[in-house]
Amino acid sequence: MQGCGNDFVFIDNRELGVPVSAMADWACAICPRAFRVGADGAIFLENAPEGSEADYIWHFYNADGSRAEMCGNASRCAARLAARIGLAPAQHVLGTDAGPIKAEADELTGRAKVQLTPPKNLELGITITVDGKEYEVHHVDTGVPHTVLLFDDVSSVDVAGLGRAIRFHERFAPAGTNVNFLQVTSPERLELRTYERGVEAETLACGTGAAASAVIANALGRTGDTAEVCTTGKEILTISLENGDVFLEGAASFVYRGEFDPKDLGLSL
């Protein structure tokens, strides 16, 4: 599945039973592009534990095998898939490492809306030095940590180089940070490019990054409570801020359904 070009391999783990201890290896085997299936991450869906408020849970792994607390675009894809395969009703709760996520899937429009965890650890106007140059950055956690830099024109930014330097900057150690390069084109419109931790590259979209950028732009007085975010993949995510809550809405698409033999990828059950 893909959400704004952020693509994922979903595995229904209810009967397959891949143990958590093996999931990172599975992600590393599945996600390399050209050589394997190819994806930004691998996600295992399971029934929620008894007594949980969630309808189901996921185990989310980035392409490098690192486990992620949350991913906005993946949660929208998960919402549509869960509704389609009968894992949950159209309106439901997804259990993530960042906490329960309220989700709503619309099969008619192909869109999904999720309520992200409340933003935390907001810091504005941080000064860091990269290769001898000072940058003003802003930081917030929208399920995963995000750093945001504002530019007049993001098309000319060295996302790979500067993004990697900030992602591993000592200011954000040891966990590191995702890095978002933001252009405010109007009070209702943002242009965004994101370097994603775990993928270790620029991705075509990042839902939690779009949310973080909208939260920071709003905190700086640059936008209102609702903004459209144009991603690198040129699709639009809608971010709404309502009484401290953050909602992410956009298209979530099924690309294909397939089968593979784990042995072909050097894996086993």
C-alpha atoms as a PDB file:
ATOM      1  CA  MET A   1       0.000   0.000   0.000  1.00  0.00           C
ATOM      2  CA  GLN A   2       1.018   3.603  -0.380  1.00  0.00           C
ATOM      3  CA  GLY A   3      -0.050   6.896   1.137  1.00  0.00           C
ATOM      4  CA  CYS A   4       1.193   9.929  -0.804  1.00  0.00           C
ATOM      5  CA  GLY A   5       4.089   7.876  -2.141  1.00  0.00           C
ATOM      6  CA  ASN A   6       5.113   6.588   1.298  1.00  0.00           C
ATOM      7  CA  ASP A   7       4.922   2.828   0.609  1.00  0.00           C
ATOM      8  CA  PHE A   8       4.665  -0.155   2.923  1.00  0.00           C
ATOM      9  CA  VAL A   9       4.460  -3.925   2.891  1.00  0.00           C
ATOM     10  CA  PHE A  10       1.658  -5.096   5.185  1.00  0.00           C
ATOM     11  CA  ILE A  11       1.622  -8.637   6.531  1.00  0.00           C
ATOM     12  CA  ASP A  12      -1.468 -10.134   8.152  1.00  0.00           C
ATOM     13  CA  ASN A  13       0.272 -11.824  11.062  1.00  0.00           C
ATOM     14  CA  ARG A  14      -2.798 -13.268  12.781  1.00  0.00           C
ATOM     15  CA  GLU A  15      -2.198 -16.761  11.405  1.00  0.00           C
ATOM     16  CA  LEU A  16       1.314 -16.436  10.002  1.00  0.00           C
ATOM     17  CA  GLY A  17       2.734 -15.812  13.463  1.00  0.00           C
ATOM     18  CA  VAL A  18       6.080 -14.162  12.701  1.00  0.00           C
ATOM     19  CA  PRO A  19       7.583 -13.616  16.184  1.00  0.00           C
ATOM     20  CA  VAL A  20       8.497 -10.085  17.229  1.00  0.00           C
ATOM     21  CA  SER A  21      12.112 -11.206  17.632  1.00  0.00           C
ATOM     22  CA  ALA A  22      12.287 -11.934  13.887  1.00  0.00           C
ATOM     23  CA  MET A  23      10.370  -8.944  12.534  1.00  0.00           C
ATOM     24  CA  ALA A  24      13.375  -6.630  12.142  1.00  0.00           C
ATOM     25  CA  ASP A  25      15.123  -9.266  10.024  1.00  0.00           C
ATOM     26  CA  TRP A  26      11.996  -9.648   7.913  1.00  0.00           C
ATOM     27  CA  ALA A  27      11.840  -5.890   7.325  1.00  0.00           C
ATOM     28  CA  CYS A  28      15.502  -5.788   6.297  1.00  0.00           C
ATOM     29  CA  ALA A  29      14.924  -8.663   3.885  1.00  0.00           C
ATOM     30  CA  ILE A  30      11.696  -7.335   2.364  1.00  0.00           C
ATOM     31  CA  CYS A  31      12.319  -3.587   2.020  1.00  0.00           C
ATOM     32  CA  PRO A  32      15.443  -3.148  -0.189  1.00  0.00           C
ATOM     33  CA  ARG A  33      14.356  -1.677  -3.506  1.00  0.00           C
ATOM     34  CA  ALA A  34      15.219  -3.382  -6.795  1.00  0.00           C
ATOM     35  CA  PHE A  35      16.591  -6.462  -4.990  1.00  0.00           C
ATOM     36  CA  ARG A  36      13.508  -7.411  -2.954  1.00  0.00           C
ATOM     37  CA  VAL A  37       9.853  -6.318  -2.685  1.00  0.00           C
ATOM     38  CA  GLY A  38      10.855  -2.709  -1.973  1.00  0.00           C
ATOM     39  CA  ALA A  39       9.207  -0.410   0.579  1.00  0.00           C
ATOM     40  CA  ASP A  40       9.776   2.316   3.157  1.00  0.00           C
ATOM     41  CA  GLY A  41       8.735  -0.097   5.894  1.00  0.00           C
ATOM     42  CA  ALA A  42       7.238  -3.468   6.797  1.00  0.00           C
ATOM     43  CA  ILE A  43       4.183  -3.693   9.049  1.00  0.00           C
ATOM     44  CA  PHE A  44       2.757  -6.729  10.823  1.00  0.00           C
ATOM     45  CA  LEU A  45      -0.935  -6.564  11.808  1.00  0.00           C
ATOM     46  CA  GLU A  46      -2.290  -8.603  14.730  1.00  0.00           C
ATOM     47  CA  ASN A  47      -5.320  -8.848  16.963  1.00  0.00           C
ATOM     48  CA  ALA A  48      -5.182  -6.542  19.971  1.00  0.00           C
ATOM     49  CA  PRO A  49      -4.474  -8.120  23.375  1.00  0.00           C
ATOM     50  CA  GLU A  50      -7.536  -8.939  25.453  1.00  0.00           C
ATOM     51  CA  GLY A  51      -8.714  -5.870  27.380  1.00  0.00           C
ATOM     52  CA  SER A  52      -7.050  -3.401  25.021  1.00  0.00           C
ATOM     53  CA  GLU A  53      -8.972  -0.354  23.824  1.00  0.00           C
ATOM     54  CA  ALA A  54      -7.535  -0.956  20.354  1.00  0.00           C
ATOM     55  CA  ASP A  55      -9.302  -3.033  17.705  1.00  0.00           C
ATOM     56  CA  TYR A  56      -5.935  -4.333  16.480  1.00  0.00           C
ATOM     57  CA  ILE A  57      -2.236  -3.560  16.820  1.00  0.00           C
ATOM     58  CA  TRP A  58       0.713  -3.234  14.499  1.00  0.00           C
ATOM     59  CA  HIS A  59       4.443  -3.850  14.689  1.00  0.00           C
ATOM     60  CA  PHE A  60       6.072  -1.209  12.492  1.00  0.00           C
ATOM     61  CA  TYR A  61       9.629  -1.515  11.190  1.00  0.00           C
ATOM     62  CA  ASN A  62      11.526   0.908   8.980  1.00  0.00           C
ATOM     63  CA  ALA A  63      13.464  -0.325   5.974  1.00  0.00           C
ATOM     64  CA  ASP A  64      16.654  -0.532   8.041  1.00  0.00           C
ATOM     65  CA  GLY A  65      15.020  -2.788  10.623  1.00  0.00           C
ATOM     66  CA  SER A  66      14.567  -0.122  13.278  1.00  0.00           C
ATOM     67  CA  ARG A  67      11.226  -0.115  15.054  1.00  0.00           C
ATOM     68  CA  ALA A  68       9.134   3.050  14.745  1.00  0.00           C
ATOM     69  CA  GLU A  69       6.700   4.327  17.335  1.00  0.00           C
ATOM     70  CA  MET A  70       4.301   5.761  14.783  1.00  0.00           C
ATOM     71  CA  CYS A  71       3.857   6.690  11.112  1.00  0.00           C
ATOM     72  CA  GLY A  72       1.005   8.872   9.920  1.00  0.00           C
ATOM     73  CA  ASN A  73       0.815   7.685   6.323  1.00  0.00           C
ATOM     74  CA  ALA A  74       1.155   4.049   7.347  1.00  0.00           C
ATOM     75  CA  SER A  75      -1.641   4.433   9.889  1.00  0.00           C
ATOM     76  CA  ARG A  76      -3.957   5.696   7.147  1.00  0.00           C
ATOM     77  CA  CYS A  77      -3.049   2.696   4.988  1.00  0.00           C
ATOM     78  CA  ALA A  78      -3.532   0.366   7.949  1.00  0.00           C
ATOM     79  CA  ALA A  79      -6.988   1.833   8.559  1.00  0.00           C
ATOM     80  CA  ARG A  80      -8.145   1.031   5.037  1.00  0.00           C
ATOM     81  CA  LEU A  81      -6.608  -2.430   5.048  1.00  0.00           C
ATOM     82  CA  ALA A  82      -8.034  -3.344   8.459  1.00  0.00           C
ATOM     83  CA  ALA A  83     -11.521  -2.368   7.307  1.00  0.00           C
ATOM     84  CA  ARG A  84     -11.144  -4.282   4.045  1.00  0.00           C
ATOM     85  CA  ILE A  85      -9.972  -7.564   5.582  1.00  0.00           C
ATOM     86  CA  GLY A  86     -12.428  -7.451   8.488  1.00  0.00           C
ATOM     87  CA  LEU A  87      -9.833  -6.775  11.162  1.00  0.00           C
ATOM     88  CA  ALA A  88     -11.794  -3.686  12.298  1.00  0.00           C
ATOM     89  CA  PRO A  89     -14.860  -1.622  11.354  1.00  0.00           C
ATOM     90  CA  ALA A  90     -14.510   1.559   9.286  1.00  0.00           C
ATOM     91  CA  GLN A  91     -14.169   3.630  12.466  1.00  0.00           C
ATOM     92  CA  HIS A  92     -11.740   2.017  14.860  1.00  0.00           C
ATOM     93  CA  VAL A  93      -8.675   2.297  17.074  1.00  0.00           C
ATOM     94  CA  LEU A  94      -5.193   1.169  16.046  1.00  0.00           C
ATOM     95  CA  GLY A  95      -2.699   0.284  18.759  1.00  0.00           C
ATOM     96  CA  THR A  96       0.818   1.674  18.135  1.00  0.00           C
ATOM     97  CA  ASP A  97       3.979   2.079  20.208  1.00  0.00           C
ATOM     98  CA  ALA A  98       3.060   5.784  20.474  1.00  0.00           C
ATOM     99  CA  GLY A  99      -0.369   4.952  21.893  1.00  0.00           C
ATOM    100  CA  PRO A 100      -3.892   4.345  20.541  1.00  0.00           C
ATOM    101  CA  ILE A 101      -4.741   6.035  17.235  1.00  0.00           C
ATOM    102  CA  LYS A 102      -8.339   6.755  16.269  1.00  0.00           C
ATOM    103  CA  ALA A 103      -8.880   6.054  12.577  1.00  0.00           C
ATOM    104  CA  GLU A 104     -11.634   6.247   9.989  1.00  0.00           C
ATOM    105  CA  ALA A 105     -11.490   4.627   6.543  1.00  0.00           C
ATOM    106  CA  ASP A 106     -13.704   5.663   3.638  1.00  0.00           C
ATOM    107  CA  GLU A 107     -13.883   2.914   1.030  1.00  0.00           C
ATOM    108  CA  LEU A 108     -15.850   5.098  -1.403  1.00  0.00           C
ATOM    109  CA  THR A 109     -13.283   7.889  -1.602  1.00  0.00           C
ATOM    110  CA  GLY A 110     -10.174   5.834  -0.881  1.00  0.00           C
ATOM    111  CA  ARG A 111      -9.214   8.255   1.862  1.00  0.00           C
ATOM    112  CA  ALA A 112      -8.502   7.739   5.529  1.00  0.00           C
ATOM    113  CA  LYS A 113      -8.342  10.087   8.507  1.00  0.00           C
ATOM    114  CA  VAL A 114      -6.415   9.455  11.698  1.00  0.00           C
ATOM    115  CA  GLN A 115      -6.151  11.319  14.974  1.00  0.00           C
ATOM    116  CA  LEU A 116      -2.481  11.399  15.836  1.00  0.00           C
ATOM    117  CA  THR A 117      -1.144  11.356  19.360  1.00  0.00           C
ATOM    118  CA  PRO A 118      -1.082  14.867  20.916  1.00  0.00           C
ATOM    119  CA  PRO A 119       2.091  16.756  19.970  1.00  0.00           C
ATOM    120  CA  LYS A 120       4.647  17.007  22.751  1.00  0.00           C
ATOM    121  CA  ASN A 121       8.076  18.458  23.486  1.00  0.00           C
ATOM    122  CA  LEU A 122       7.511  21.516  21.285  1.00  0.00           C
ATOM    123  CA  GLU A 123      10.639  23.669  21.091  1.00  0.00           C
ATOM    124  CA  LEU A 124      10.878  26.749  18.880  1.00  0.00           C
ATOM    125  CA  GLY A 125      13.954  28.680  17.826  1.00  0.00           C
ATOM    126  CA  ILE A 126      16.702  26.125  18.512  1.00  0.00           C
ATOM    127  CA  THR A 127      20.107  27.087  17.086  1.00  0.00           C
ATOM    128  CA  ILE A 128      22.374  24.295  15.870  1.00  0.00           C
ATOM    129  CA  THR A 129      25.629  24.331  13.919  1.00  0.00           C
ATOM    130  CA  VAL A 130      26.165  22.079  10.894  1.00  0.00           C
ATOM    131  CA  ASP A 131      29.471  22.199   9.008  1.00  0.00           C
ATOM    132  CA  GLY A 132      30.275  25.556  10.565  1.00  0.00           C
ATOM    133  CA  LYS A 133      26.935  27.148   9.639  1.00  0.00           C
ATOM    134  CA  GLU A 134      24.195  28.037  12.103  1.00  0.00           C
ATOM    135  CA  TYR A 135      20.593  27.017  11.457  1.00  0.00           C
ATOM    136  CA  GLU A 136      17.429  27.908  13.329  1.00  0.00           C
ATOM    137  CA  VAL A 137      15.326  24.793  13.747  1.00  0.00           C
ATOM    138  CA  HIS A 138      12.129  23.859  15.563  1.00  0.00           C
ATOM    139  CA  HIS A 139      11.302  20.531  17.152  1.00  0.00           C
ATOM    140  CA  VAL A 140       8.163  18.603  18.115  1.00  0.00           C
ATOM    141  CA  ASP A 141       7.134  14.996  18.667  1.00  0.00           C
ATOM    142  CA  THR A 142       3.993  13.991  16.730  1.00  0.00           C
ATOM    143  CA  GLY A 143       4.338  10.297  17.528  1.00  0.00           C
ATOM    144  CA  VAL A 144       7.982  10.328  16.454  1.00  0.00           C
ATOM    145  CA  PRO A 145      10.508  13.186  16.809  1.00  0.00           C
ATOM    146  CA  HIS A 146      10.595  15.802  14.058  1.00  0.00           C
ATOM    147  CA  THR A 147      12.815  18.792  13.412  1.00  0.00           C
ATOM    148  CA  VAL A 148      11.559  21.516  11.065  1.00  0.00           C
ATOM    149  CA  LEU A 149      13.512  24.149   9.143  1.00  0.00           C
ATOM    150  CA  LEU A 150      11.816  26.959   7.213  1.00  0.00           C
ATOM    151  CA  PHE A 151      13.040  28.011   3.767  1.00  0.00           C
ATOM    152  CA  ASP A 152      11.801  30.463   1.147  1.00  0.00           C
ATOM    153  CA  ASP A 153      12.285  27.788  -1.521  1.00  0.00           C
ATOM    154  CA  VAL A 154      12.594  24.117  -0.569  1.00  0.00           C
ATOM    155  CA  SER A 155      13.226  22.973  -4.140  1.00  0.00           C
ATOM    156  CA  SER A 156      16.904  23.908  -3.899  1.00  0.00           C
ATOM    157  CA  VAL A 157      17.621  22.390  -0.469  1.00  0.00           C
ATOM    158  CA  ASP A 158      20.156  19.546  -0.150  1.00  0.00           C
ATOM    159  CA  VAL A 159      17.722  17.280   1.669  1.00  0.00           C
ATOM    160  CA  ALA A 160      20.007  14.252   1.631  1.00  0.00           C
ATOM    161  CA  GLY A 161      23.122  16.018   2.927  1.00  0.00           C
ATOM    162  CA  LEU A 162      21.652  18.506   5.385  1.00  0.00           C
ATOM    163  CA  GLY A 163      18.916  16.106   6.419  1.00  0.00           C
ATOM    164  CA  ARG A 164      21.366  13.385   7.339  1.00  0.00           C
ATOM    165  CA  ALA A 165      23.613  15.825   9.238  1.00  0.00           C
ATOM    166  CA  ILE A 166      20.703  17.067  11.369  1.00  0.00           C
ATOM    167  CA  ARG A 167      19.173  13.606  11.762  1.00  0.00           C
ATOM    168  CA  PHE A 168      22.404  12.474  13.504  1.00  0.00           C
ATOM    169  CA  HIS A 169      23.195  15.831  15.179  1.00  0.00           C
ATOM    170  CA  GLU A 170      24.294  15.580  18.809  1.00  0.00           C
ATOM    171  CA  ARG A 171      21.469  17.936  19.811  1.00  0.00           C
ATOM    172  CA  PHE A 172      18.979  15.143  19.040  1.00  0.00           C
ATOM    173  CA  ALA A 173      21.007  12.148  20.218  1.00  0.00           C
ATOM    174  CA  PRO A 174      20.633   9.361  21.002  1.00  0.00           C
ATOM    175  CA  ALA A 175      17.272   8.748  19.317  1.00  0.00           C
ATOM    176  CA  GLY A 176      17.908  11.051  16.374  1.00  0.00           C
ATOM    177  CA  THR A 177      15.216  12.959  14.525  1.00  0.00           C
ATOM    178  CA  ASN A 178      13.310  13.145  11.268  1.00  0.00           C
ATOM    179  CA  VAL A 179      14.080  16.352   9.384  1.00  0.00           C
ATOM    180  CA  ASN A 180      11.499  18.456   7.545  1.00  0.00           C
ATOM    181  CA  PHE A 181      12.241  21.284   5.117  1.00  0.00           C
ATOM    182  CA  LEU A 182       9.215  23.558   5.049  1.00  0.00           C
ATOM    183  CA  GLN A 183       8.062  26.366   2.763  1.00  0.00           C
ATOM    184  CA  VAL A 184       4.963  28.334   3.790  1.00  0.00           C
ATOM    185  CA  THR A 185       3.383  29.416   0.522  1.00  0.00           C
ATOM    186  CA  SER A 186       0.200  30.785   2.127  1.00  0.00           C
ATOM    187  CA  PRO A 187      -1.615  30.604   5.484  1.00  0.00           C
ATOM    188  CA  GLU A 188      -3.431  27.526   4.125  1.00  0.00           C
ATOM    189  CA  ARG A 189      -0.704  25.885   2.022  1.00  0.00           C
ATOM    190  CA  LEU A 190       2.660  24.307   2.869  1.00  0.00           C
ATOM    191  CA  GLU A 191       5.342  22.738   0.671  1.00  0.00           C
ATOM    192  CA  LEU A 192       7.305  20.000   2.416  1.00  0.00           C
ATOM    193  CA  ARG A 193      10.312  17.754   1.859  1.00  0.00           C
ATOM    194  CA  THR A 194      11.270  15.206   4.510  1.00  0.00           C
ATOM    195  CA  TYR A 195      14.376  13.203   5.375  1.00  0.00           C
ATOM    196  CA  GLU A 196      13.127  10.173   7.297  1.00  0.00           C
ATOM    197  CA  ARG A 197      14.987   8.535  10.126  1.00  0.00           C
ATOM    198  CA  GLY A 198      15.146   4.785   9.554  1.00  0.00           C
ATOM    199  CA  VAL A 199      14.682   5.086   5.809  1.00  0.00           C
ATOM    200  CA  GLU A 200      17.790   7.335   5.812  1.00  0.00           C
ATOM    201  CA  ALA A 201      16.722   9.198   2.714  1.00  0.00           C
ATOM    202  CA  GLU A 202      14.179  11.682   1.435  1.00  0.00           C
ATOM    203  CA  THR A 203      10.768  10.055   1.117  1.00  0.00           C
ATOM    204  CA  LEU A 204       7.891  11.099  -1.108  1.00  0.00           C
ATOM    205  CA  ALA A 205       5.783  11.914   1.957  1.00  0.00           C
ATOM    206  CA  CYS A 206       5.706  11.685   5.747  1.00  0.00           C
ATOM    207  CA  GLY A 207       2.416  12.021   7.596  1.00  0.00           C
ATOM    208  CA  THR A 208       3.813  12.730  11.051  1.00  0.00           C
ATOM    209  CA  GLY A 209       6.262  15.136   9.407  1.00  0.00           C
ATOM    210  CA  ALA A 210       3.408  16.971   7.719  1.00  0.00           C
ATOM    211  CA  ALA A 211       1.659  17.156  11.089  1.00  0.00           C
ATOM    212  CA  ALA A 212       4.804  18.391  12.833  1.00  0.00           C
ATOM    213  CA  SER A 213       5.342  21.056  10.174  1.00  0.00           C
ATOM    214  CA  ALA A 214       1.755  22.261  10.450  1.00  0.00           C
ATOM    215  CA  VAL A 215       1.976  22.365  14.262  1.00  0.00           C
ATOM    216  CA  ILE A 216       5.160  24.432  14.121  1.00  0.00           C
ATOM    217  CA  ALA A 217       3.926  26.748  11.364  1.00  0.00           C
ATOM    218  CA  ASN A 218       0.807  27.360  13.442  1.00  0.00           C
ATOM    219  CA  ALA A 219       2.851  27.972  16.615  1.00  0.00           C
ATOM    220  CA  LEU A 220       4.933  30.521  14.685  1.00  0.00           C
ATOM    221  CA  GLY A 221       1.772  32.306  13.528  1.00  0.00           C
ATOM    222  CA  ARG A 222       2.322  31.403   9.883  1.00  0.00           C
ATOM    223  CA  THR A 223      -0.818  29.286   9.355  1.00  0.00           C
ATOM    224  CA  GLY A 224      -4.289  28.757  10.742  1.00  0.00           C
ATOM    225  CA  ASP A 225      -5.724  25.588  12.266  1.00  0.00           C
ATOM    226  CA  THR A 226      -6.099  23.791   8.924  1.00  0.00           C
ATOM    227  CA  ALA A 227      -3.474  23.532   6.218  1.00  0.00           C
ATOM    228  CA  GLU A 228      -2.907  21.551   3.056  1.00  0.00           C
ATOM    229  CA  VAL A 229       0.570  20.080   2.823  1.00  0.00           C
ATOM    230  CA  CYS A 230       2.015  19.342  -0.619  1.00  0.00           C
ATOM    231  CA  THR A 231       4.538  16.515  -0.314  1.00  0.00           C
ATOM    232  CA  THR A 232       7.533  15.619  -2.465  1.00  0.00           C
ATOM    233  CA  GLY A 233       5.280  13.140  -4.262  1.00  0.00           C
ATOM    234  CA  LYS A 234       2.947  16.075  -5.110  1.00  0.00           C
ATOM    235  CA  GLU A 235      -0.012  14.590  -3.278  1.00  0.00           C
ATOM    236  CA  ILE A 236      -1.887  16.605  -0.682  1.00  0.00           C
ATOM    237  CA  LEU A 237      -2.267  15.830   3.009  1.00  0.00           C
ATOM    238  CA  THR A 238      -4.746  17.803   5.104  1.00  0.00           C
ATOM    239  CA  ILE A 239      -3.718  18.639   8.669  1.00  0.00           C
ATOM    240  CA  SER A 240      -6.309  19.946  11.123  1.00  0.00           C
ATOM    241  CA  LEU A 241      -5.565  21.203  14.637  1.00  0.00           C
ATOM    242  CA  GLU A 242      -8.536  20.954  16.973  1.00  0.00           C
ATOM    243  CA  ASN A 243      -8.262  21.773  20.680  1.00  0.00           C
ATOM    244  CA  GLY A 244      -4.770  20.359  20.961  1.00  0.00           C
ATOM    245  CA  ASP A 245      -5.501  17.309  18.799  1.00  0.00           C
ATOM    246  CA  VAL A 246      -3.954  16.741  15.373  1.00  0.00           C
ATOM    247  CA  PHE A 247      -5.840  15.061  12.525  1.00  0.00           C
ATOM    248  CA  LEU A 248      -4.219  13.765   9.344  1.00  0.00           C
ATOM    249  CA  GLU A 249      -6.286  13.016   6.250  1.00  0.00           C
ATOM    250  CA  GLY A 250      -5.380  11.886   2.756  1.00  0.00           C
ATOM    251  CA  ALA A 251      -5.544   9.133   0.164  1.00  0.00           C
ATOM    252  CA  ALA A 252      -4.411   5.610   1.015  1.00  0.00           C
ATOM    253  CA  SER A 253      -4.097   3.216  -1.916  1.00  0.00           C
ATOM    254  CA  PHE A 254      -3.846  -0.517  -2.455  1.00  0.00           C
ATOM    255  CA  VAL A 255      -1.029  -1.243  -4.901  1.00  0.00           C
ATOM    256  CA  TYR A 256      -1.064  -5.030  -5.023  1.00  0.00           C
ATOM    257  CA  ARG A 257      -1.611  -8.206  -3.036  1.00  0.00           C
ATOM    258  CA  GLY A 258       0.896 -10.997  -3.425  1.00  0.00           C
ATOM    259  CA  GLU A 259       2.703 -13.983  -2.007  1.00  0.00           C
ATOM    260  CA  PHE A 260       6.357 -14.760  -1.430  1.00  0.00           C
ATOM    261  CA  ASP A 261       8.295 -17.700  -0.066  1.00  0.00           C
ATOM    262  CA  PRO A 262      10.307 -16.610   2.995  1.00  0.00           C
ATOM    263  CA  LYS A 263      13.072 -19.050   2.021  1.00  0.00           C
ATOM    264  CA  ASP A 264      13.643 -17.062  -1.186  1.00  0.00           C
ATOM    265  CA  LEU A 265      14.552 -14.069   0.979  1.00  0.00           C
ATOM    266  CA  GLY A 266      16.701 -16.055   3.375  1.00  0.00           C
ATOM    267  CA  LEU A 267      13.970 -16.056   6.037  1.00  0.00           C
ATOM    268  CA  SER A 268      12.223 -18.793   7.967  1.00  0.00           C
ATOM    269  CA  LEU A 269       9.312 -19.192  10.358  1.00  0.00           C
END
